[in-house]
């Protein structure tokens, strides 16, 4: 069964780049897109992804708000979430890990690094 990866990203260029990287990687995973934290919460419960890449700063609902909601629900608490953000300060990294992220990945992304990180969490499931 193909694994699902939920990408939560409000920036269209970043979304397009991740889609392109996923297609080129030939990763056996379906990429699902949400443009903000509220959409992410809705899609998490309908799609049940194996992994979430979560931007932290978005309109409507940011990742800081969406992640605790996902982590507090028994149906979705097990899903690994990678903070996928431009926020690179040490305190930002500490905060994302504190609210339940398994990794803090700073944009701009390196395609090979991102795919290696995604594979790390898809293989362990």
N, C-alpha and C. Protein backbone atom coordinates (compact mmCIF):
# COMPACT_ATOMS: atom_id res chain seq x y z
N UNK A 1 0.84 -1.18 0.00
CA UNK A 1 0.00 0.00 0.00
C UNK A 1 0.89 1.25 0.00
N UNK A 2 0.56 2.20 -0.86
CA UNK A 2 1.36 3.41 -0.97
C UNK A 2 1.17 4.28 0.27
N UNK A 3 2.27 4.76 0.80
CA UNK A 3 2.23 5.65 1.97
C UNK A 3 1.81 7.04 1.51
N UNK A 4 1.27 7.80 2.44
CA UNK A 4 0.84 9.17 2.16
C UNK A 4 1.67 10.13 2.98
N UNK A 5 2.10 11.20 2.33
CA UNK A 5 2.83 12.28 3.00
C UNK A 5 2.01 13.55 2.83
N UNK A 6 1.67 14.17 3.95
CA UNK A 6 0.91 15.43 3.91
C UNK A 6 1.89 16.59 3.98
N UNK A 7 1.89 17.42 2.94
CA UNK A 7 2.70 18.63 2.91
C UNK A 7 1.79 19.80 3.25
N UNK A 8 2.13 20.51 4.32
CA UNK A 8 1.35 21.68 4.75
C UNK A 8 2.22 22.90 4.51
N UNK A 9 1.87 23.65 3.46
CA UNK A 9 2.74 24.75 3.01
C UNK A 9 1.87 25.80 2.32
N UNK A 10 1.96 27.06 2.76
CA UNK A 10 1.15 28.11 2.16
C UNK A 10 1.80 28.74 0.92
N UNK A 11 3.10 28.60 0.76
CA UNK A 11 3.80 29.21 -0.36
C UNK A 11 3.74 28.30 -1.60
N UNK A 12 3.14 28.82 -2.65
CA UNK A 12 2.94 28.02 -3.86
C UNK A 12 4.25 27.54 -4.47
N UNK A 13 5.26 28.40 -4.50
CA UNK A 13 6.56 28.01 -5.06
C UNK A 13 7.18 26.86 -4.26
N UNK A 14 7.10 26.95 -2.95
CA UNK A 14 7.63 25.86 -2.11
C UNK A 14 6.86 24.56 -2.34
N UNK A 15 5.53 24.67 -2.44
CA UNK A 15 4.72 23.47 -2.72
C UNK A 15 5.12 22.84 -4.04
N UNK A 16 5.21 23.68 -5.07
CA UNK A 16 5.58 23.17 -6.40
C UNK A 16 6.95 22.50 -6.38
N UNK A 17 7.88 23.08 -5.66
CA UNK A 17 9.22 22.51 -5.57
C UNK A 17 9.20 21.14 -4.88
N UNK A 18 8.47 21.03 -3.79
CA UNK A 18 8.39 19.74 -3.09
C UNK A 18 7.71 18.69 -3.98
N UNK A 19 6.65 19.08 -4.68
CA UNK A 19 5.98 18.15 -5.60
C UNK A 19 6.97 17.68 -6.65
N UNK A 20 7.73 18.59 -7.23
CA UNK A 20 8.73 18.25 -8.24
C UNK A 20 9.78 17.29 -7.67
N UNK A 21 10.27 17.59 -6.48
CA UNK A 21 11.29 16.75 -5.83
C UNK A 21 10.73 15.35 -5.57
N UNK A 22 9.51 15.27 -5.11
CA UNK A 22 8.88 13.96 -4.86
C UNK A 22 8.75 13.16 -6.16
N UNK A 23 8.31 13.83 -7.22
CA UNK A 23 8.15 13.14 -8.50
C UNK A 23 9.49 12.62 -9.02
N UNK A 24 10.51 13.43 -8.94
CA UNK A 24 11.84 13.03 -9.42
C UNK A 24 12.45 11.93 -8.57
N UNK A 25 12.09 11.87 -7.29
CA UNK A 25 12.70 10.90 -6.37
C UNK A 25 12.20 9.48 -6.59
N UNK A 26 11.06 9.37 -7.30
CA UNK A 26 10.42 8.07 -7.50
C UNK A 26 10.09 7.40 -6.17
N UNK A 27 9.87 8.21 -5.17
CA UNK A 27 9.48 7.74 -3.85
C UNK A 27 8.11 7.10 -3.94
N UNK A 28 7.95 5.95 -3.32
CA UNK A 28 6.66 5.26 -3.35
C UNK A 28 5.74 5.85 -2.29
N UNK A 29 5.33 7.11 -2.53
CA UNK A 29 4.48 7.81 -1.59
C UNK A 29 3.61 8.81 -2.35
N UNK A 30 2.38 8.94 -1.87
CA UNK A 30 1.46 9.91 -2.45
C UNK A 30 1.58 11.20 -1.64
N UNK A 31 1.78 12.32 -2.34
CA UNK A 31 1.89 13.61 -1.68
C UNK A 31 0.51 14.27 -1.65
N UNK A 32 0.06 14.61 -0.46
CA UNK A 32 -1.21 15.30 -0.27
C UNK A 32 -0.87 16.72 0.17
N UNK A 33 -1.61 17.70 -0.33
CA UNK A 33 -1.28 19.10 -0.07
C UNK A 33 -2.36 19.77 0.79
N UNK A 34 -1.91 20.53 1.77
CA UNK A 34 -2.77 21.44 2.52
C UNK A 34 -2.06 22.79 2.56
N UNK A 35 -2.84 23.86 2.49
CA UNK A 35 -2.24 25.20 2.40
C UNK A 35 -2.18 25.94 3.73
N UNK A 36 -2.75 25.35 4.78
CA UNK A 36 -2.68 25.97 6.11
C UNK A 36 -2.98 24.90 7.16
N UNK A 37 -2.82 25.27 8.41
CA UNK A 37 -3.00 24.31 9.50
C UNK A 37 -4.41 23.76 9.62
N UNK A 38 -5.42 24.60 9.33
CA UNK A 38 -6.80 24.10 9.41
C UNK A 38 -7.05 23.03 8.35
N UNK A 39 -6.59 23.29 7.12
CA UNK A 39 -6.71 22.27 6.06
C UNK A 39 -5.96 21.01 6.46
N UNK A 40 -4.80 21.19 7.09
CA UNK A 40 -3.99 20.04 7.52
C UNK A 40 -4.77 19.18 8.49
N UNK A 41 -5.40 19.80 9.46
CA UNK A 41 -6.17 19.04 10.45
C UNK A 41 -7.29 18.26 9.77
N UNK A 42 -8.00 18.93 8.85
CA UNK A 42 -9.08 18.25 8.12
C UNK A 42 -8.54 17.05 7.34
N UNK A 43 -7.42 17.25 6.65
CA UNK A 43 -6.87 16.17 5.81
C UNK A 43 -6.21 15.06 6.62
N UNK A 44 -5.67 15.38 7.77
CA UNK A 44 -5.06 14.35 8.61
C UNK A 44 -6.11 13.30 8.96
N UNK A 45 -7.31 13.74 9.30
CA UNK A 45 -8.35 12.80 9.73
C UNK A 45 -9.01 12.06 8.57
N UNK A 46 -9.00 12.65 7.37
CA UNK A 46 -9.60 11.95 6.22
C UNK A 46 -8.59 11.07 5.49
N UNK A 47 -7.33 11.50 5.44
CA UNK A 47 -6.31 10.79 4.67
C UNK A 47 -5.43 9.87 5.50
N UNK A 48 -5.29 10.14 6.80
CA UNK A 48 -4.41 9.39 7.69
C UNK A 48 -3.01 9.18 7.07
N UNK A 49 -2.27 10.27 6.90
CA UNK A 49 -0.94 10.15 6.28
C UNK A 49 0.05 9.41 7.18
N UNK A 50 1.12 8.91 6.57
CA UNK A 50 2.20 8.24 7.30
C UNK A 50 3.20 9.24 7.85
N UNK A 51 3.20 10.47 7.29
CA UNK A 51 4.16 11.50 7.65
C UNK A 51 3.58 12.86 7.30
N UNK A 52 3.93 13.88 8.10
CA UNK A 52 3.48 15.25 7.83
C UNK A 52 4.70 16.16 7.77
N UNK A 53 4.77 16.97 6.71
CA UNK A 53 5.76 18.06 6.60
C UNK A 53 4.98 19.34 6.87
N UNK A 54 5.26 20.01 7.98
CA UNK A 54 4.44 21.13 8.43
C UNK A 54 5.21 22.44 8.44
N UNK A 55 4.77 23.38 7.60
CA UNK A 55 5.28 24.74 7.69
C UNK A 55 4.79 25.32 9.02
N UNK A 56 5.54 26.22 9.59
CA UNK A 56 5.17 26.74 10.90
C UNK A 56 4.45 28.09 10.81
N UNK A 57 4.74 28.89 9.80
CA UNK A 57 4.11 30.21 9.66
C UNK A 57 3.21 30.21 8.43
N UNK A 58 1.89 30.23 8.69
CA UNK A 58 0.91 30.23 7.61
C UNK A 58 -0.30 31.04 8.04
N UNK A 59 -1.08 31.51 7.05
CA UNK A 59 -2.33 32.19 7.40
C UNK A 59 -3.38 31.16 7.85
N UNK A 60 -4.49 31.63 8.32
CA UNK A 60 -5.64 30.85 8.82
C UNK A 60 -5.28 30.14 10.12
N UNK A 61 -4.39 29.15 10.05
CA UNK A 61 -3.88 28.49 11.26
C UNK A 61 -2.44 28.08 10.99
N UNK A 62 -1.55 28.46 11.91
CA UNK A 62 -0.13 28.12 11.72
C UNK A 62 0.18 26.73 12.27
N UNK A 63 1.40 26.29 12.00
CA UNK A 63 1.83 24.98 12.47
C UNK A 63 1.93 24.89 13.97
N UNK A 64 2.24 26.02 14.61
CA UNK A 64 2.35 26.05 16.08
C UNK A 64 1.02 25.68 16.72
N UNK A 65 -0.07 26.02 16.07
CA UNK A 65 -1.41 25.73 16.58
C UNK A 65 -1.88 24.34 16.13
N UNK A 66 -1.61 24.00 14.88
CA UNK A 66 -2.12 22.74 14.31
C UNK A 66 -1.44 21.50 14.91
N UNK A 67 -0.15 21.56 15.14
CA UNK A 67 0.58 20.37 15.62
C UNK A 67 0.04 19.85 16.95
N UNK A 68 -0.14 20.71 17.97
CA UNK A 68 -0.68 20.19 19.23
C UNK A 68 -2.06 19.55 19.07
N UNK A 69 -2.88 20.08 18.18
CA UNK A 69 -4.21 19.50 17.94
C UNK A 69 -4.06 18.09 17.37
N UNK A 70 -3.16 17.93 16.40
CA UNK A 70 -2.93 16.61 15.79
C UNK A 70 -2.35 15.65 16.82
N UNK A 71 -1.42 16.12 17.62
CA UNK A 71 -0.73 15.26 18.60
C UNK A 71 -1.63 14.88 19.78
N UNK A 72 -2.65 15.68 20.07
CA UNK A 72 -3.51 15.39 21.22
C UNK A 72 -4.61 14.38 20.89
N UNK A 73 -4.81 14.07 19.61
CA UNK A 73 -5.86 13.12 19.23
C UNK A 73 -5.26 11.72 19.12
N UNK A 74 -5.85 10.76 19.79
CA UNK A 74 -5.31 9.40 19.82
C UNK A 74 -5.22 8.78 18.42
N UNK A 75 -6.09 9.21 17.50
CA UNK A 75 -6.08 8.64 16.14
C UNK A 75 -4.88 9.11 15.33
N UNK A 76 -4.30 10.26 15.69
CA UNK A 76 -3.24 10.84 14.87
C UNK A 76 -1.95 11.13 15.64
N UNK A 77 -1.95 10.88 16.92
CA UNK A 77 -0.79 11.21 17.76
C UNK A 77 0.48 10.49 17.32
N UNK A 78 0.34 9.32 16.69
CA UNK A 78 1.50 8.51 16.28
C UNK A 78 2.17 9.00 14.99
N UNK A 79 1.51 9.89 14.24
CA UNK A 79 2.03 10.33 12.94
C UNK A 79 3.24 11.24 13.16
N UNK A 80 4.41 10.88 12.60
CA UNK A 80 5.56 11.78 12.75
C UNK A 80 5.35 13.08 11.97
N UNK A 81 5.73 14.18 12.60
CA UNK A 81 5.61 15.50 11.98
C UNK A 81 7.00 16.12 11.92
N UNK A 82 7.37 16.56 10.72
CA UNK A 82 8.64 17.27 10.53
C UNK A 82 8.30 18.75 10.35
N UNK A 83 8.83 19.59 11.22
CA UNK A 83 8.68 21.04 11.04
C UNK A 83 9.47 21.41 9.79
N UNK A 84 8.79 22.02 8.83
CA UNK A 84 9.37 22.36 7.53
C UNK A 84 9.29 23.87 7.42
N UNK A 85 10.34 24.55 7.89
CA UNK A 85 10.21 25.98 8.16
C UNK A 85 11.46 26.78 7.82
N UNK A 86 11.26 28.06 7.62
CA UNK A 86 12.40 28.96 7.41
C UNK A 86 12.97 29.43 8.74
N UNK A 87 12.29 29.15 9.83
CA UNK A 87 12.74 29.57 11.16
C UNK A 87 13.90 28.69 11.61
N UNK A 88 15.08 29.30 11.68
CA UNK A 88 16.30 28.52 11.91
C UNK A 88 16.94 28.74 13.28
N UNK A 89 16.34 29.58 14.12
CA UNK A 89 16.94 29.84 15.42
C UNK A 89 16.87 28.59 16.30
N UNK A 90 17.82 28.46 17.20
CA UNK A 90 17.87 27.32 18.11
C UNK A 90 16.59 27.21 18.94
N UNK A 91 16.07 28.36 19.37
CA UNK A 91 14.84 28.32 20.19
C UNK A 91 13.63 27.85 19.37
N UNK A 92 13.62 28.16 18.06
CA UNK A 92 12.54 27.66 17.19
C UNK A 92 12.63 26.14 17.09
N UNK A 93 13.83 25.64 16.90
CA UNK A 93 14.04 24.20 16.81
C UNK A 93 13.61 23.51 18.11
N UNK A 94 14.03 24.06 19.23
CA UNK A 94 13.66 23.48 20.53
C UNK A 94 12.15 23.48 20.71
N UNK A 95 11.50 24.56 20.28
CA UNK A 95 10.05 24.68 20.44
C UNK A 95 9.31 23.67 19.56
N UNK A 96 9.76 23.48 18.31
CA UNK A 96 9.07 22.52 17.44
C UNK A 96 9.20 21.10 17.99
N UNK A 97 10.37 20.78 18.53
CA UNK A 97 10.55 19.44 19.12
C UNK A 97 9.69 19.30 20.38
N UNK A 98 9.57 20.38 21.13
CA UNK A 98 8.79 20.36 22.37
C UNK A 98 7.30 20.13 22.09
N UNK A 99 6.78 20.65 20.98
CA UNK A 99 5.34 20.49 20.71
C UNK A 99 5.03 19.19 19.96
N UNK A 100 6.07 18.39 19.68
CA UNK A 100 5.78 17.07 19.12
C UNK A 100 6.40 16.74 17.78
N UNK A 101 7.17 17.64 17.20
CA UNK A 101 7.82 17.31 15.93
C UNK A 101 8.99 16.35 16.16
N UNK A 102 9.22 15.47 15.18
CA UNK A 102 10.33 14.52 15.28
C UNK A 102 11.62 15.13 14.73
N UNK A 103 11.47 16.14 13.86
CA UNK A 103 12.62 16.81 13.25
C UNK A 103 12.25 18.27 13.00
N UNK A 104 13.28 19.09 12.87
CA UNK A 104 13.13 20.49 12.50
C UNK A 104 13.97 20.68 11.24
N UNK A 105 13.32 20.81 10.09
CA UNK A 105 14.04 20.95 8.82
C UNK A 105 13.89 22.38 8.33
N UNK A 106 15.03 23.03 8.12
CA UNK A 106 15.02 24.44 7.75
C UNK A 106 15.10 24.63 6.24
N UNK A 107 14.18 25.46 5.72
CA UNK A 107 14.21 25.85 4.32
C UNK A 107 15.25 26.95 4.16
N UNK A 108 15.82 27.16 2.99
CA UNK A 108 15.51 26.46 1.75
C UNK A 108 15.98 25.01 1.79
N UNK A 109 15.23 24.18 1.12
CA UNK A 109 15.50 22.74 1.22
C UNK A 109 16.56 22.29 0.23
N UNK A 110 17.23 21.24 0.62
CA UNK A 110 18.12 20.51 -0.27
C UNK A 110 17.34 19.27 -0.67
N UNK A 111 17.03 19.09 -1.96
CA UNK A 111 16.18 17.98 -2.38
C UNK A 111 16.63 16.61 -1.86
N UNK A 112 17.92 16.32 -1.93
CA UNK A 112 18.40 15.01 -1.48
C UNK A 112 18.23 14.84 0.02
N UNK A 113 18.53 15.91 0.77
CA UNK A 113 18.35 15.88 2.23
C UNK A 113 16.89 15.64 2.60
N UNK A 114 16.00 16.36 1.91
CA UNK A 114 14.58 16.23 2.23
C UNK A 114 14.09 14.81 1.95
N UNK A 115 14.43 14.26 0.81
CA UNK A 115 13.99 12.90 0.47
C UNK A 115 14.58 11.89 1.45
N UNK A 116 15.84 12.06 1.84
CA UNK A 116 16.45 11.16 2.82
C UNK A 116 15.69 11.22 4.15
N UNK A 117 15.30 12.42 4.55
CA UNK A 117 14.56 12.59 5.80
C UNK A 117 13.18 11.94 5.70
N UNK A 118 12.50 12.14 4.59
CA UNK A 118 11.19 11.53 4.38
C UNK A 118 11.31 10.01 4.41
N UNK A 119 12.29 9.47 3.71
CA UNK A 119 12.49 8.01 3.67
C UNK A 119 12.75 7.47 5.08
N UNK A 120 13.51 8.21 5.88
CA UNK A 120 13.81 7.79 7.25
C UNK A 120 12.54 7.50 8.03
N UNK A 121 11.53 8.35 7.87
CA UNK A 121 10.30 8.19 8.64
C UNK A 121 9.28 7.30 7.95
N UNK A 122 9.34 7.15 6.65
CA UNK A 122 8.42 6.24 5.97
C UNK A 122 8.85 4.79 6.15
N UNK A 123 10.15 4.55 6.23
CA UNK A 123 10.67 3.19 6.40
C UNK A 123 10.38 2.65 7.79
N UNK A 124 10.42 3.52 8.79
CA UNK A 124 10.23 3.07 10.17
C UNK A 124 8.77 2.76 10.51
N UNK A 125 7.85 3.12 9.64
CA UNK A 125 6.43 2.88 9.93
C UNK A 125 6.00 1.51 9.50
